[in-house]
Protein backbone atom coordinates (compact mmCIF):
# COMPACT_ATOMS: atom_id res chain seq x y z
CA UNK A 1 0.00 0.00 0.00
CA UNK A 2 1.38 3.42 -0.96
CA UNK A 3 2.26 5.97 1.69
CA UNK A 4 -0.47 8.32 0.44
CA UNK A 5 -3.09 5.56 0.50
CA UNK A 6 -2.19 4.50 4.05
CA UNK A 7 -2.32 8.14 5.18
CA UNK A 8 -5.76 8.49 3.57
CA UNK A 9 -7.09 5.44 5.42
CA UNK A 10 -5.56 6.61 8.72
CA UNK A 11 -7.15 10.05 8.26
CA UNK A 12 -10.53 8.45 7.48
CA UNK A 13 -10.45 6.19 10.56
CA UNK A 14 -9.44 8.80 13.16
CA UNK A 15 -11.68 11.48 11.62
CA UNK A 16 -14.67 9.12 11.78
CA UNK A 17 -13.83 8.31 15.43
CA UNK A 18 -13.54 12.02 16.26
CA UNK A 19 -16.86 12.80 14.55
CA UNK A 20 -18.60 9.91 16.37
CA UNK A 21 -17.49 11.24 19.75
CA UNK A 22 -18.40 14.84 18.81
CA UNK A 23 -21.86 13.70 17.71
CA UNK A 24 -22.31 11.67 20.91
CA UNK A 25 -21.58 14.81 22.94
CA UNK A 26 -23.80 16.94 20.69
CA UNK A 27 -26.78 14.64 21.36
CA UNK A 28 -26.18 14.43 25.13
CA UNK A 29 -29.36 16.32 26.12
CA UNK A 30 -31.50 13.73 24.29
CA UNK A 31 -30.91 11.44 27.32
CA UNK A 32 -29.86 13.60 30.29
CA UNK A 33 -32.64 16.05 29.37
CA UNK A 34 -35.21 13.55 30.65
CA UNK A 35 -34.14 13.61 34.34
CA UNK A 36 -33.49 17.36 33.94
CA UNK A 37 -37.03 17.90 32.64
CA UNK A 38 -38.35 16.29 35.82
CA UNK A 39 -35.84 18.06 38.10
CA UNK A 40 -36.47 21.53 36.61
CA UNK A 41 -40.21 21.04 35.89
CA UNK A 42 -39.94 21.88 32.18
CA UNK A 43 -42.79 22.05 29.64
CA UNK A 44 -42.49 20.24 26.28
CA UNK A 45 -41.46 23.53 24.61
CA UNK A 46 -38.78 24.23 27.26
CA UNK A 47 -37.51 20.66 26.89
CA UNK A 48 -37.36 21.15 23.10
CA UNK A 49 -35.33 24.34 23.54
CA UNK A 50 -32.97 22.62 26.00
CA UNK A 51 -32.22 19.73 23.63
CA UNK A 52 -31.92 22.04 20.62
CA UNK A 53 -29.55 24.65 22.14
CA UNK A 54 -26.28 22.76 21.39
CA UNK A 55 -27.54 22.20 17.84
CA UNK A 56 -27.75 25.99 17.29
CA UNK A 57 -24.04 26.73 17.78
CA UNK A 58 -23.01 23.48 16.11
CA UNK A 59 -24.94 24.66 13.05
CA UNK A 60 -24.01 28.36 12.97
CA UNK A 61 -20.28 27.59 13.18
CA UNK A 62 -20.40 25.18 10.24
CA UNK A 63 -19.92 27.77 7.48
CA UNK A 64 -16.82 29.42 9.00
CA UNK A 65 -15.41 25.99 9.94
CA UNK A 66 -15.85 24.75 6.36
CA UNK A 67 -14.08 27.87 5.06
CA UNK A 68 -11.26 27.59 7.61
CA UNK A 69 -10.80 23.93 6.64
CA UNK A 70 -10.33 24.95 3.00
CA UNK A 71 -7.88 27.64 4.14
CA UNK A 72 -5.86 26.03 6.97
CA UNK A 73 -6.47 22.28 6.63
CA UNK A 74 -8.75 19.89 8.49
CA UNK A 75 -6.21 18.50 10.95
CA UNK A 76 -5.52 21.69 12.90
CA UNK A 77 -9.12 22.96 12.73
CA UNK A 78 -10.60 19.67 14.01
CA UNK A 79 -8.05 19.43 16.85
CA UNK A 80 -8.70 22.99 18.03
CA UNK A 81 -12.48 22.49 17.81
CA UNK A 82 -12.37 19.34 19.97
CA UNK A 83 -10.08 21.02 22.51
CA UNK A 84 -12.46 23.98 22.79
CA UNK A 85 -15.42 21.80 23.80
CA UNK A 86 -13.77 19.87 26.67
CA UNK A 87 -14.06 22.56 29.44
CA UNK A 88 -17.72 23.23 28.58
CA UNK A 89 -18.61 19.51 28.66
CA UNK A 90 -17.02 19.17 32.10
CA UNK A 91 -18.76 22.30 33.45
CA UNK A 92 -22.15 20.90 32.45
CA UNK A 93 -22.08 18.55 35.46
CA UNK A 94 -22.04 21.56 37.83
CA UNK A 95 -25.04 23.40 36.33
CA UNK A 96 -28.20 23.68 38.45
CA UNK A 97 -30.44 26.31 36.78
CA UNK A 98 -32.25 26.08 33.43
CA UNK A 99 -30.42 29.15 32.03
CA UNK A 100 -27.05 27.63 33.00
CA UNK A 101 -27.82 24.51 30.95
CA UNK A 102 -28.79 26.69 27.99
CA UNK A 103 -25.61 28.79 28.15
CA UNK A 104 -23.22 25.85 28.64
CA UNK A 105 -25.15 23.95 25.97
CA UNK A 106 -24.22 26.66 23.45
CA UNK A 107 -20.50 25.98 24.05
CA UNK A 108 -20.89 22.19 24.10
CA UNK A 109 -22.68 22.57 20.76
CA UNK A 110 -19.43 23.56 19.05
CA UNK A 111 -18.79 19.81 18.75
CA UNK A 112 -21.54 19.63 16.13
CA UNK A 113 -19.46 21.76 13.76
CA UNK A 114 -16.99 18.89 13.36
CA UNK A 115 -18.92 17.59 10.34
CA UNK A 116 -18.02 20.61 8.21
CA UNK A 117 -14.35 20.10 9.06
CA UNK A 118 -14.16 16.36 8.50
CA UNK A 119 -16.15 16.17 5.25
CA UNK A 120 -13.76 18.22 3.06
CA UNK A 121 -10.73 17.02 5.04
CA UNK A 122 -11.52 13.36 4.34
CA UNK A 123 -12.84 13.84 0.79
CA UNK A 124 -9.62 15.42 -0.48
CA UNK A 125 -7.57 12.37 0.49
CA UNK A 126 -9.52 10.18 -1.98
CA UNK A 127 -9.99 10.12 -5.79
CA UNK A 128 -13.29 11.51 -7.06
CA UNK A 129 -14.87 8.10 -7.79
CA UNK A 130 -14.36 7.11 -4.13
CA UNK A 131 -15.35 10.40 -2.50
CA UNK A 132 -19.01 9.46 -1.98
CA UNK A 133 -17.98 6.32 -0.11
CA UNK A 134 -15.27 8.11 1.91
CA UNK A 135 -17.66 10.90 2.96
CA UNK A 136 -20.27 8.25 3.74
CA UNK A 137 -17.88 6.36 6.03
CA UNK A 138 -16.97 9.59 7.80
CA UNK A 139 -20.62 10.58 8.01
CA UNK A 140 -21.36 7.26 9.73
CA UNK A 141 -20.05 9.08 12.79
CA UNK A 142 -23.70 10.24 13.05
CA UNK A 143 -24.10 6.94 14.88
CA UNK A 144 -22.65 8.82 17.86
CA UNK A 145 -26.34 9.61 18.47
CA UNK A 146 -26.91 5.88 19.03
CA UNK A 147 -23.71 5.48 21.08
CA UNK A 148 -25.07 8.20 23.37
CA UNK A 149 -28.26 6.17 23.83
CA UNK A 150 -26.25 3.06 24.77
CA UNK A 151 -23.91 4.79 27.26
CA UNK A 152 -25.79 7.68 28.85
CA UNK A 153 -28.89 5.87 30.25
CA UNK A 154 -26.72 3.38 32.16
CA UNK A 155 -24.67 6.22 33.65
CA UNK A 156 -27.83 8.15 34.57
CA UNK A 157 -29.40 5.15 36.35
CA UNK A 158 -26.17 4.10 38.12
CA UNK A 159 -24.62 7.47 39.08
CA UNK A 160 -27.08 10.26 38.21
CA UNK A 161 -27.12 12.55 35.17
CA UNK A 162 -24.06 14.62 36.27
CA UNK A 163 -21.74 11.66 35.61
CA UNK A 164 -22.54 11.74 31.87
CA UNK A 165 -20.79 15.06 31.01
CA UNK A 166 -17.78 14.11 33.17
CA UNK A 167 -17.31 10.80 31.33
CA UNK A 168 -17.89 12.50 27.96
CA UNK A 169 -15.25 15.17 28.70
CA UNK A 170 -12.68 12.43 29.43
CA UNK A 171 -13.64 10.54 26.25
CA UNK A 172 -13.30 13.73 24.17
CA UNK A 173 -9.82 14.39 25.59
CA UNK A 174 -8.68 10.84 24.78
CA UNK A 175 -10.10 11.09 21.26
CA UNK A 176 -8.30 14.41 20.69
CA UNK A 177 -4.95 12.77 21.54
CA UNK A 178 -5.62 9.82 19.21
CA UNK A 179 -6.73 12.14 16.40
CA UNK A 180 -3.57 14.26 16.63
CA UNK A 181 -1.29 11.21 16.68
CA UNK A 182 -2.79 9.44 13.65
CA UNK A 183 -4.03 12.24 11.36
CA UNK A 184 -2.00 13.94 8.62
CA UNK A 185 -2.01 17.16 6.64
CA UNK A 186 -1.30 17.83 2.95
CA UNK A 187 -0.60 21.41 1.78
CA UNK A 188 -1.97 20.50 -1.70
CA UNK A 189 -5.47 20.21 -0.18
CA UNK A 190 -5.66 23.89 0.78
CA UNK A 191 -7.66 26.42 -1.24
CA UNK A 192 -5.37 29.15 -2.72
CA UNK A 193 -4.99 32.08 -0.33
CA UNK A 194 -6.24 34.61 -2.93
CA UNK A 195 -9.80 33.24 -2.48
CA UNK A 196 -11.50 35.58 -0.01
CA UNK A 197 -14.11 34.88 2.66
CA UNK A 198 -16.62 36.93 0.64
CA UNK A 199 -15.92 34.96 -2.55
CA UNK A 200 -16.70 31.72 -0.77
CA UNK A 201 -19.91 33.05 0.82
CA UNK A 202 -21.22 33.97 -2.66
CA UNK A 203 -22.14 30.28 -2.99
CA UNK A 204 -25.28 31.15 -1.02
CA UNK A 205 -26.66 32.81 -4.17
CA UNK A 206 -26.55 29.54 -6.12
CA UNK A 207 -30.12 28.10 -6.36
CA UNK A 208 -28.73 24.55 -6.45
CA UNK A 209 -27.03 25.13 -3.09
CA UNK A 210 -30.36 26.33 -1.65
CA UNK A 211 -32.06 23.20 -2.96
CA UNK A 212 -29.46 20.93 -1.34
CA UNK A 213 -29.99 22.91 1.87
CA UNK A 214 -33.69 22.01 1.73
CA UNK A 215 -32.95 18.31 1.15
CA UNK A 216 -30.45 18.25 4.00
CA UNK A 217 -32.78 20.04 6.41
CA UNK A 218 -34.99 16.94 6.37
CA UNK A 219 -32.52 14.03 6.03
CA UNK A 220 -30.06 15.47 8.58
CA UNK A 221 -32.15 18.07 10.45
CA UNK A 222 -34.95 15.55 10.90
CA UNK A 223 -32.44 12.91 12.01
CA UNK A 224 -30.93 15.19 14.67
CA UNK A 225 -34.35 16.35 15.86
CA UNK A 226 -35.76 12.83 16.22
CA UNK A 227 -32.54 11.55 17.83
CA UNK A 228 -33.06 14.20 20.52
CA UNK A 229 -36.81 13.68 20.79
CA UNK A 230 -37.36 9.92 20.58
CA UNK A 231 -36.28 8.78 24.07
CA UNK A 232 -38.81 10.98 25.82
CA UNK A 233 -41.38 10.11 23.10
CA UNK A 234 -41.09 6.41 23.98
CA UNK A 235 -41.25 7.21 27.71
CA UNK A 236 -44.39 9.34 27.27
CA UNK A 237 -46.22 7.40 24.53
CA UNK A 238 -45.53 3.83 25.61
CA UNK A 239 -44.65 4.23 29.32
CA UNK A 240 -41.17 2.68 29.00
CA UNK A 241 -38.25 3.22 31.40
CA UNK A 242 -35.33 5.37 30.19
CA UNK A 243 -33.00 2.45 29.35
CA UNK A 244 -35.58 0.53 27.28
CA UNK A 245 -36.69 3.78 25.59
CA UNK A 246 -33.09 4.66 24.69
CA UNK A 247 -32.46 1.16 23.31
CA UNK A 248 -35.51 1.34 21.04
CA UNK A 249 -34.67 4.91 20.01
CA UNK A 250 -31.25 3.61 18.94
CA UNK A 251 -33.07 1.45 16.33
CA UNK A 252 -33.55 4.76 14.50
CA UNK A 253 -30.25 6.48 15.37
CA UNK A 254 -27.93 3.55 14.63
CA UNK A 255 -28.93 2.77 11.01
CA UNK A 256 -29.35 6.52 10.47
CA UNK A 257 -25.61 6.85 11.11
CA UNK A 258 -23.88 3.58 10.21
CA UNK A 259 -25.62 3.07 6.84
CA UNK A 260 -24.48 6.44 5.58
CA UNK A 261 -21.44 4.66 4.10
CA UNK A 262 -23.79 2.42 2.09
CA UNK A 263 -25.58 5.56 0.89
CA UNK A 264 -22.23 6.93 -0.26
CA UNK A 265 -21.51 3.75 -2.22
CA UNK A 266 -25.01 3.78 -3.79
CA UNK A 267 -24.56 7.45 -4.73
CA UNK A 268 -21.21 6.68 -6.41
CA UNK A 269 -22.83 3.84 -8.37
CA UNK A 270 -26.30 5.17 -9.28
CA UNK A 271 -25.87 8.93 -8.92
CA UNK A 272 -26.91 11.33 -6.20
CA UNK A 273 -30.19 12.23 -7.91
CA UNK A 274 -31.67 8.71 -8.11
CA UNK A 275 -30.77 7.87 -4.51
CA UNK A 276 -32.19 11.15 -3.15
CA UNK A 277 -35.46 10.76 -5.11
CA UNK A 278 -36.20 7.33 -3.66
CA UNK A 279 -35.13 8.46 -0.18
CA UNK A 280 -37.76 11.21 -0.26
CA UNK A 281 -40.51 8.78 -1.26
CA UNK A 282 -39.56 6.27 1.44
CA UNK A 283 -39.61 9.13 3.99
CA UNK A 284 -43.02 10.27 2.73
CA UNK A 285 -44.56 6.81 3.27
CA UNK A 286 -43.00 6.27 6.73
CA UNK A 287 -43.92 9.73 8.01
CA UNK A 288 -47.49 9.39 6.74
CA UNK A 289 -47.95 6.23 8.84
CA UNK A 290 -46.05 7.63 11.86
CA UNK A 291 -48.22 10.77 11.85
CA UNK A 292 -51.42 8.88 12.72
CA UNK A 293 -52.21 9.57 16.40
CA UNK A 294 -53.51 7.00 18.89
CA UNK A 295 -57.25 7.14 18.12
CA UNK A 296 -60.25 5.66 19.90
CA UNK A 297 -63.63 6.07 18.21
CA UNK A 298 -67.15 4.78 18.76
CA UNK A 299 -69.49 3.63 15.97
CA UNK A 300 -73.24 3.27 16.45
CA UNK A 301 -74.13 -0.19 15.07
CA UNK A 302 -77.38 -2.22 14.96
CA UNK A 303 -76.11 -4.06 18.05
CA UNK A 304 -75.31 -0.88 19.94
CA UNK A 305 -72.14 1.19 20.38
CA UNK A 306 -68.87 -0.42 19.30
CA UNK A 307 -65.54 1.14 20.20
CA UNK A 308 -62.39 0.73 18.10
CA UNK A 309 -58.80 1.76 18.71
CA UNK A 310 -56.33 2.59 15.94
CA UNK A 311 -52.71 3.42 16.62
CA UNK A 312 -49.19 2.13 16.18
CA UNK A 313 -47.99 -0.38 18.74
CA UNK A 314 -44.39 -0.10 19.94
CA UNK A 315 -43.09 -2.82 17.56
CA UNK A 316 -44.66 -1.35 14.41
CA UNK A 317 -43.61 2.14 15.43
CA UNK A 318 -39.98 1.04 15.98
CA UNK A 319 -39.97 -0.82 12.64
CA UNK A 320 -41.09 2.30 10.78
CA UNK A 321 -38.49 4.38 12.60
CA UNK A 322 -35.82 1.86 11.57
CA UNK A 323 -36.80 2.18 7.88
CA UNK A 324 -36.89 5.98 8.18
CA UNK A 325 -33.40 5.94 9.74
CA UNK A 326 -32.08 3.85 6.82
CA UNK A 327 -33.64 6.17 4.24
CA UNK A 328 -32.18 9.27 5.87
CA UNK A 329 -28.75 7.63 6.14
CA UNK A 330 -28.74 7.14 2.36
CA UNK A 331 -30.08 10.67 1.84
CA UNK A 332 -27.39 12.32 3.97
CA UNK A 333 -24.72 10.66 1.82
CA UNK A 334 -26.42 11.36 -1.51
CA UNK A 335 -26.79 15.10 -0.81
CA UNK A 336 -23.04 15.36 -0.21
CA UNK A 337 -22.35 13.37 -3.37
CA UNK A 338 -24.19 16.14 -5.26
CA UNK A 339 -21.79 18.63 -3.65
CA UNK A 340 -18.61 16.63 -4.39
CA UNK A 341 -19.72 16.24 -8.03
CA UNK A 342 -20.73 19.83 -8.68
CA UNK A 343 -18.34 21.82 -6.45
CA UNK A 344 -15.08 19.79 -6.30
CA UNK A 345 -12.97 22.88 -5.52
CA UNK A 346 -15.33 24.24 -2.87
CA UNK A 347 -16.43 21.17 -0.95
CA UNK A 348 -15.59 22.83 2.37
CA UNK A 349 -17.57 25.99 1.73
CA UNK A 350 -20.65 24.34 0.21
CA UNK A 351 -20.72 21.50 2.75
CA UNK A 352 -20.52 24.16 5.47
CA UNK A 353 -23.52 26.02 4.05
CA UNK A 354 -25.58 22.86 3.48
CA UNK A 355 -24.51 21.51 6.88
CA UNK A 356 -25.67 24.79 8.45
CA UNK A 357 -29.11 24.34 6.87
CA UNK A 358 -29.33 20.76 8.13
CA UNK A 359 -28.17 21.78 11.58
CA UNK A 360 -30.67 24.64 11.74
CA UNK A 361 -33.36 22.10 10.90
CA UNK A 362 -32.09 20.08 13.87
CA UNK A 363 -32.33 23.21 16.05
CA UNK A 364 -35.76 24.48 14.98
CA UNK A 365 -37.58 21.14 14.71
CA UNK A 366 -37.32 19.99 18.40
CA UNK A 367 -38.61 23.40 19.51
CA UNK A 368 -41.52 23.13 17.06
CA UNK A 369 -42.16 19.55 18.25
CA UNK A 370 -42.51 20.91 21.80
CA UNK A 371 -44.72 23.83 20.74
CA UNK A 372 -47.01 21.52 18.73
CA UNK A 373 -47.27 19.06 21.60
CA UNK A 374 -48.08 21.79 24.14
CA UNK A 375 -50.61 23.26 21.69
CA UNK A 376 -52.35 20.10 20.41
CA UNK A 377 -51.55 17.54 23.10
CA UNK A 378 -50.85 15.06 20.27
CA UNK A 379 -47.37 13.50 20.36
CA UNK A 380 -47.41 12.37 16.73
CA UNK A 381 -47.77 16.02 15.63
CA UNK A 382 -43.95 15.92 15.39
CA UNK A 383 -44.25 13.46 12.49
CA UNK A 384 -47.02 15.51 10.87
CA UNK A 385 -44.62 18.46 10.72
CA UNK A 386 -41.84 16.34 9.17
CA UNK A 387 -44.33 14.94 6.64
CA UNK A 388 -45.00 18.50 5.44
CA UNK A 389 -41.27 19.22 5.09
CA UNK A 390 -40.82 16.09 2.93
CA UNK A 391 -43.65 17.27 0.69
CA UNK A 392 -41.72 20.51 0.02
CA UNK A 393 -38.58 18.53 -0.91
CA UNK A 394 -40.48 16.18 -3.23
CA UNK A 395 -42.21 19.02 -5.06
CA UNK A 396 -38.98 21.04 -5.43
CA UNK A 397 -37.09 17.99 -6.64
CA UNK A 398 -39.78 17.08 -9.16
CA UNK A 399 -39.83 20.53 -10.77
CA UNK A 400 -36.05 21.04 -10.89
CA UNK A 401 -34.76 17.54 -11.61
CA UNK A 402 -37.25 14.74 -12.20
CA UNK A 403 -39.07 16.38 -15.12
CA UNK A 404 -35.73 16.48 -16.97
CA UNK A 405 -34.26 13.05 -16.27
CA UNK A 406 -34.92 9.30 -16.08
CA UNK A 407 -34.92 8.39 -12.38
CA UNK A 408 -34.44 4.71 -13.24
CA UNK A 409 -31.24 5.38 -15.18
CA UNK A 410 -28.05 3.66 -14.01
CA UNK A 411 -26.30 6.99 -13.62
CA UNK A 412 -27.60 10.45 -12.92
CA UNK A 413 -27.15 12.80 -15.88
CA UNK A 414 -25.88 16.31 -15.38
CA UNK A 415 -28.54 18.81 -14.50
């Protein structure tokens, strides 16, 4: 194996590890928020804001991080980003008031920006025909959301919620050391210094970039939002304890992260367009079924009143969530294949912008879930909202792409 090839594989492995740990930290409130909700007496809206706060900073910082990665290289930017989060993670265990959790959560949220560093950093180590797969493998670090659900509930039950941020701070420190030891930098991967910050931000005017932002707001934003929301959904809807709820919620989070590499491979083989189109339809079907609330109704029959109940049981619900997680894993990879194909020299900038849109979806959606639940009292209103967002993506995709191409083609033509 050539020196360059071995460096590329080493970079891919440690970057994926770093992203997994960053994502695990980013999703921390999805589990520890449940005892905090009880301790602080929070409403559904306040709980939504608590879980979403880290997502806000992790999203807003994505554009500058993507640009800095193009300019200075992924190795140094990723290392500094991870180092910056460690004190805030540790401090979380000493917070007692709601506002303190919100403020510290903003700093912990920096970990979520790691995606916009790792994507261009990893992609540039691989030839174009392998970039979809490489970015998919790196993106599988999304499974940190599932790792959080495996680790955090056990710590909460055994030691209390405050142990979780302390353990996570130690894990982040260890990961930072490993990343620095086994990552590499290549000056050839940097964008020429005559490209200004303003030049790179002009990408926001490109209508294709805006379209990819919309796609990503559902496949990634929806994934983040549901990863944060599902544990308490299971607890409330089906009366499960926190460990069982977290395990079942991981049936969505785990495929939603791990299978991203498969989505990258499919996008390399069949084209980003075809994969994304079928992802949206699979999402549409799943969300339609998930949206149906638990319903009891009475019919007046010739033999008197008869009462029926319609609603998803826990097994069917979890099965649909598993399929939705798979679809979104493929979609997250296919959107970034579009970017690698169409903007090979500006992967960092465009992935930062699209990542920002996805992250903002992950910030806004949990808050809206809480507002809808407080307003309607219907838990499945969260899925009704996501169903509407998928409709927007399908319509936009049909008018800009599908009318001009054969979605069953082996490769996606230029558009």
